[in-house]
Protein backbone atom coordinates (compact mmCIF):
# COMPACT_ATOMS: atom_id res chain seq x y z
CA MET A 1 34.98 -7.62 31.94
CA ASN A 2 35.13 -5.84 28.75
CA ALA A 3 31.53 -5.37 27.27
CA GLN A 4 31.57 -6.29 23.84
CA VAL A 5 30.00 -4.28 21.28
CA VAL A 6 28.47 -5.99 17.88
CA ALA A 7 28.03 -4.11 15.06
CA THR A 8 24.94 -5.18 13.30
CA GLN A 9 25.54 -5.03 9.12
CA PRO A 10 22.63 -4.03 6.85
CA LEU A 11 21.29 -6.35 4.65
CA SER A 12 22.82 -6.82 1.01
CA LEU A 13 20.89 -6.58 -2.19
CA ALA A 14 21.01 -10.38 -2.52
CA GLN A 15 20.48 -11.01 1.43
CA THR A 16 16.92 -8.65 0.94
CA ASN A 17 16.26 -10.69 -2.41
CA SER A 18 16.44 -13.81 -0.65
CA ALA A 19 14.10 -12.83 2.33
CA ARG A 20 11.72 -11.69 -0.11
CA ALA A 21 11.58 -14.97 -1.66
CA ASN A 22 10.42 -16.45 1.88
CA ALA A 23 7.76 -14.40 1.87
CA LEU A 24 4.31 -16.19 1.62
CA VAL A 25 3.70 -14.93 -2.46
CA PRO A 26 1.26 -16.30 -4.88
CA THR A 27 2.67 -17.68 -8.21
CA SER A 28 -0.21 -17.64 -9.85
CA MET A 29 -3.60 -16.78 -10.17
CA SER A 30 -5.39 -19.51 -8.59
CA GLU A 31 -3.12 -19.46 -5.58
CA ALA A 32 -4.03 -15.51 -5.04
CA MET A 33 -7.47 -16.37 -5.31
CA GLN A 34 -7.01 -19.47 -2.59
CA LEU A 35 -5.45 -16.98 0.11
CA ALA A 36 -7.95 -14.35 -0.82
CA ASP A 37 -11.30 -16.32 0.01
CA ILE A 38 -8.78 -17.84 3.29
CA MET A 39 -8.16 -14.23 4.70
CA ALA A 40 -11.92 -13.06 4.11
CA SER A 41 -12.94 -15.71 6.21
CA ALA A 42 -10.73 -15.36 9.24
CA GLY A 43 -12.06 -13.91 12.20
CA LEU A 44 -8.90 -12.21 13.53
CA LEU A 45 -8.60 -10.06 10.08
CA PRO A 46 -9.57 -6.73 10.24
CA ASP A 47 -13.30 -5.54 9.93
CA HIS A 48 -13.12 -3.79 6.55
CA LEU A 49 -11.75 -6.63 5.22
CA ARG A 50 -13.68 -9.89 6.68
CA GLY A 51 -15.62 -10.85 4.10
CA LYS A 52 -14.58 -9.31 0.97
CA PRO A 53 -12.21 -11.53 -1.04
CA GLY A 54 -11.61 -8.82 -3.75
CA ASP A 55 -10.23 -6.47 -0.93
CA CYS A 56 -8.12 -9.07 -0.19
CA LEU A 57 -6.91 -9.83 -3.06
CA LEU A 58 -5.97 -5.99 -3.57
CA VAL A 59 -3.67 -6.64 -0.34
CA ILE A 60 -2.05 -9.78 -1.60
CA MET A 61 -1.18 -8.00 -5.01
CA GLN A 62 0.64 -4.98 -3.03
CA ALA A 63 1.95 -7.45 -0.57
CA GLN A 64 3.66 -9.58 -3.38
CA ARG A 65 4.74 -6.27 -4.93
CA TRP A 66 6.84 -5.55 -1.71
CA GLY A 67 8.05 -9.04 -1.09
CA MET A 68 5.89 -9.33 1.88
CA ASP A 69 3.72 -11.46 3.85
CA ALA A 70 -0.13 -10.68 2.72
CA VAL A 71 -1.26 -11.35 6.24
CA SER A 72 0.79 -9.09 7.90
CA VAL A 73 0.23 -6.22 5.45
CA ALA A 74 -3.62 -6.51 5.81
CA GLN A 75 -3.37 -6.24 9.78
CA SER A 76 -1.62 -2.44 8.76
CA THR A 77 -4.21 -1.33 6.87
CA SER A 78 -7.52 0.61 6.77
CA VAL A 79 -9.96 2.32 4.98
CA VAL A 80 -10.40 6.03 4.82
CA HIS A 81 -12.75 7.85 2.87
CA GLY A 82 -13.82 4.92 0.93
CA LYS A 83 -9.89 3.77 -0.06
CA LEU A 84 -7.81 1.21 0.95
CA CYS A 85 -4.79 2.97 3.13
CA TYR A 86 -1.52 1.69 4.94
CA GLU A 87 0.11 2.81 7.81
CA GLY A 88 2.84 4.86 7.62
CA LYS A 89 5.35 2.34 9.13
CA LEU A 90 4.56 -0.38 6.15
CA VAL A 91 6.52 2.56 4.33
CA ALA A 92 10.28 1.81 5.87
CA ALA A 93 9.48 -2.03 5.74
CA ALA A 94 8.47 -1.93 2.13
CA LEU A 95 11.71 -0.01 1.18
CA TYR A 96 13.97 -2.55 2.71
CA ALA A 97 12.25 -5.59 1.57
CA MET A 98 12.14 -4.04 -2.06
CA GLY A 99 15.73 -3.18 -1.46
CA ALA A 100 15.02 0.09 -2.37
CA VAL A 101 17.96 1.99 0.17
CA GLU A 102 21.24 1.00 0.75
CA GLY A 103 21.50 0.15 4.48
CA ARG A 104 18.79 1.95 6.72
CA LEU A 105 17.44 5.23 6.65
CA HIS A 106 18.85 8.16 9.34
CA TYR A 107 16.73 9.95 11.38
CA GLU A 108 17.53 13.18 13.11
CA ILE A 109 14.56 14.87 15.08
CA SER A 110 15.12 18.12 16.91
CA GLY A 111 13.04 19.94 19.40
CA HIS A 112 9.67 18.24 21.32
CA GLY A 113 6.13 17.44 20.87
CA GLN A 114 4.04 20.12 18.36
CA GLY A 115 7.73 21.81 17.99
CA ALA A 116 9.69 18.61 16.69
CA SER A 117 11.47 18.69 13.35
CA ILE A 118 13.11 15.70 11.79
CA ILE A 119 15.72 14.99 8.59
CA VAL A 120 15.47 12.38 6.83
CA THR A 121 18.63 10.45 5.27
CA GLY A 122 19.59 7.59 3.10
CA THR A 123 20.92 6.39 0.19
CA PRO A 124 18.29 5.32 -2.70
CA ARG A 125 19.57 2.17 -4.81
CA GLY A 126 21.97 2.67 -7.22
CA SER A 127 22.54 6.70 -6.35
CA MET A 128 26.09 7.89 -5.81
CA GLY A 129 25.22 9.48 -2.33
CA ALA A 130 22.57 10.07 0.12
CA GLN A 131 19.30 12.02 -0.10
CA SER A 132 17.54 14.02 2.78
CA VAL A 133 14.44 15.27 3.36
CA SER A 134 12.93 17.46 5.99
CA GLY A 135 9.73 18.46 7.57
CA ALA A 136 8.12 19.90 11.30
CA VAL A 137 5.01 19.15 12.94
CA LYS A 138 3.55 22.16 12.46
CA ASP A 139 4.25 21.25 8.21
CA TRP A 140 3.19 18.10 8.34
CA ARG A 141 0.32 17.17 11.12
CA THR A 142 -2.90 17.16 10.22
CA TYR A 143 -6.53 16.91 12.64
CA GLY A 144 -8.72 14.68 13.65
CA LYS A 145 -12.57 15.10 13.75
CA ASP A 146 -15.54 13.80 15.81
CA LYS A 147 -18.93 13.07 13.39
CA GLN A 148 -20.31 16.80 13.89
CA GLY A 149 -17.20 18.32 12.55
CA ASN A 150 -15.39 19.16 15.84
CA ARG A 151 -11.24 19.21 16.16
CA ILE A 152 -10.14 16.07 18.29
CA ASP A 153 -6.66 15.17 19.14
CA ASN A 154 -5.40 12.30 16.94
CA ALA A 155 -1.80 10.46 16.79
CA TRP A 156 -0.05 13.76 16.21
CA ASP A 157 -1.14 15.42 19.56
CA LYS A 158 -0.28 11.89 21.40
CA MET A 159 3.16 11.17 19.56
CA PRO A 160 4.30 13.27 17.15
CA GLU A 161 7.97 12.49 16.94
CA ASP A 162 6.54 8.91 15.78
CA MET A 163 4.21 10.69 13.81
CA LEU A 164 7.22 12.62 11.71
CA VAL A 165 9.17 9.72 11.29
CA TYR A 166 6.12 8.05 9.68
CA ARG A 167 5.65 11.33 7.41
CA GLY A 168 9.23 11.83 7.06
CA THR A 169 9.64 8.15 5.54
CA ARG A 170 6.92 8.70 3.26
CA GLN A 171 7.92 11.92 1.75
CA TRP A 172 11.46 10.32 1.63
CA ALA A 173 10.14 7.40 -0.31
CA ARG A 174 7.65 9.50 -2.65
CA ARG A 175 10.71 11.48 -3.62
CA TYR A 176 13.48 8.87 -4.17
CA ALA A 177 11.86 5.74 -4.67
CA PRO A 178 8.18 6.07 -5.85
CA GLU A 179 8.67 2.53 -7.20
CA ALA A 180 7.78 1.42 -3.80
CA LEU A 181 4.55 3.27 -3.06
CA LEU A 182 3.15 3.25 -6.62
CA GLY A 183 -0.75 3.30 -6.11
CA VAL A 184 -0.26 3.26 -2.42
CA TYR A 185 -1.61 6.22 0.24
CA THR A 186 -1.27 5.98 3.96
CA PRO A 187 -4.32 7.47 6.21
CA ASP A 188 -2.82 10.77 6.71
CA GLU A 189 -2.54 11.34 3.07
CA MET A 190 -6.32 10.62 2.69
CA GLU A 191 -7.08 13.22 5.31
CA GLU A 192 -5.16 16.02 4.18
CA ALA A 193 -6.86 15.26 0.74
CA PRO A 194 -9.93 18.55 -0.16
CA ALA A 195 -13.42 16.43 0.78
CA GLU A 196 -14.16 18.26 -3.20
CA VAL A 197 -11.58 16.09 -4.75
CA ARG A 198 -12.88 12.67 -2.79
CA ALA A 199 -16.31 13.78 -3.50
CA THR A 200 -15.78 14.06 -7.37
CA VAL A 201 -13.66 10.97 -7.21
CA MET A 202 -16.40 8.79 -5.35
CA VAL A 203 -19.05 9.79 -7.85
CA SER A 204 -19.85 7.49 -10.62
CA GLN A 205 -20.90 8.86 -14.11
CA PRO A 206 -24.17 9.69 -14.79
CA GLY A 207 -25.90 7.12 -16.90
CA ARG A 208 -23.62 4.11 -16.09
CA SER A 209 -24.27 1.65 -13.53
CA THR A 210 -22.06 -0.34 -11.16
CA TYR A 211 -21.34 -3.84 -12.73
CA SER A 212 -23.18 -6.80 -10.30
CA ASP A 213 -20.80 -9.03 -8.63
CA ASP A 214 -23.44 -11.83 -9.96
CA ASP A 215 -22.19 -10.79 -13.42
CA PHE A 216 -18.96 -10.36 -12.44
CA SER A 217 -18.38 -13.58 -11.22
CA LYS A 218 -20.14 -15.15 -14.49
CA ASN A 219 -18.53 -13.52 -16.58
CA LEU A 220 -14.94 -13.29 -15.10
CA PRO A 221 -13.76 -16.94 -16.64
CA LYS A 222 -14.27 -15.84 -20.15
CA TRP A 223 -12.39 -12.99 -19.51
CA ARG A 224 -9.31 -14.88 -17.54
CA ASP A 225 -9.47 -17.40 -21.06
CA LEU A 226 -9.20 -14.08 -22.81
CA ILE A 227 -6.23 -12.84 -20.89
CA GLU A 228 -4.33 -15.71 -20.30
CA SER A 229 -4.56 -16.81 -24.51
CA GLY A 230 -2.82 -13.50 -25.43
CA ARG A 231 -6.41 -12.44 -27.53
CA LYS A 232 -7.02 -9.94 -25.15
CA SER A 233 -4.71 -7.23 -22.25
CA ALA A 234 -6.37 -6.58 -18.65
CA SER A 235 -6.26 -3.20 -19.75
CA GLU A 236 -8.55 -4.10 -23.12
CA ILE A 237 -11.05 -6.40 -21.07
CA ILE A 238 -11.52 -3.86 -18.46
CA ALA A 239 -12.22 -1.16 -21.16
CA LEU A 240 -14.86 -2.92 -23.08
CA VAL A 241 -16.52 -3.98 -19.81
CA GLU A 242 -16.72 -0.21 -18.58
CA SER A 243 -18.12 0.66 -21.73
CA LYS A 244 -21.22 -0.70 -19.91
CA ALA A 245 -20.94 -0.23 -16.36
CA MET A 246 -18.47 0.95 -13.98
CA LEU A 247 -16.43 -1.55 -12.46
CA SER A 248 -15.38 -1.47 -8.87
CA ASP A 249 -11.57 -1.13 -7.47
CA ALA A 250 -11.48 -4.77 -6.80
CA GLN A 251 -12.99 -6.39 -9.94
CA ARG A 252 -10.71 -4.29 -12.11
CA ALA A 253 -7.74 -5.66 -9.79
CA ILE A 254 -9.02 -9.45 -9.88
CA ILE A 255 -9.00 -8.80 -13.80
CA ALA A 256 -5.59 -7.25 -13.83
CA ALA A 257 -4.36 -9.99 -11.85
CA TYR A 258 -4.91 -12.21 -14.50
CA GLU A 259 -2.00 -11.04 -16.28
CA ILE A 260 0.83 -12.90 -15.02
CA HIS A 261 4.56 -12.51 -16.15
CA GLU A 262 7.16 -15.24 -15.34
CA GLY A 263 5.12 -17.12 -12.75
CA VAL A 264 4.21 -14.07 -10.54
CA ILE A 265 1.43 -12.11 -10.44
CA LYS A 266 1.98 -8.63 -11.79
């Protein structure tokens, strides 16, 4: 009996968009905030998102941009140096969900272990031909450290070939499909950031307090009315508020999410 070989055809852009339509995507701010509240109360959500509807809203907004299920995306997040990060495997999923690449990415790995290298090739949507990036473990790997600053094994030591695929995918996406990763960071990117740069980013401006959650909740309905009526933009509200006190990333995201375009959260 002859074996039958079945060729799997890549999804067309129309099929991809249809798949995106089936994802759990809020169509209004109230739906998004309701989903954020539900996610924040879920016991099986990652610890860094439990009880934090504002952070859950950030994940929901990112999942909406990708056309993916927010709960699935949330399960692949982590916090590194105070920043919400998305696992490397999500990058490829986002590229395919958005239709940013024709067909699939191709990975060619040479060598083994710490001596491995990779070539990632794919055709950006609308491009006339395939584009490639290349790299090696020795150039891309990061190193884990314990609380005392001593070097410890991390994923690059345990599964270097898999990490090459994740890192190579991210490199390809940053270069040829930047719209897919706008404002998105992976854990290894944050590990690569110099400590002094992270410290500068995290320090609040002198003389300016942070906006309290109580005051934020009290004033949010007024800001929402201004934005939805078209009298003020979200960026104008944020600038006005931060002239008096600093907003958190989650607070900025909640204000920005009130700008609705064609029934979909921006």
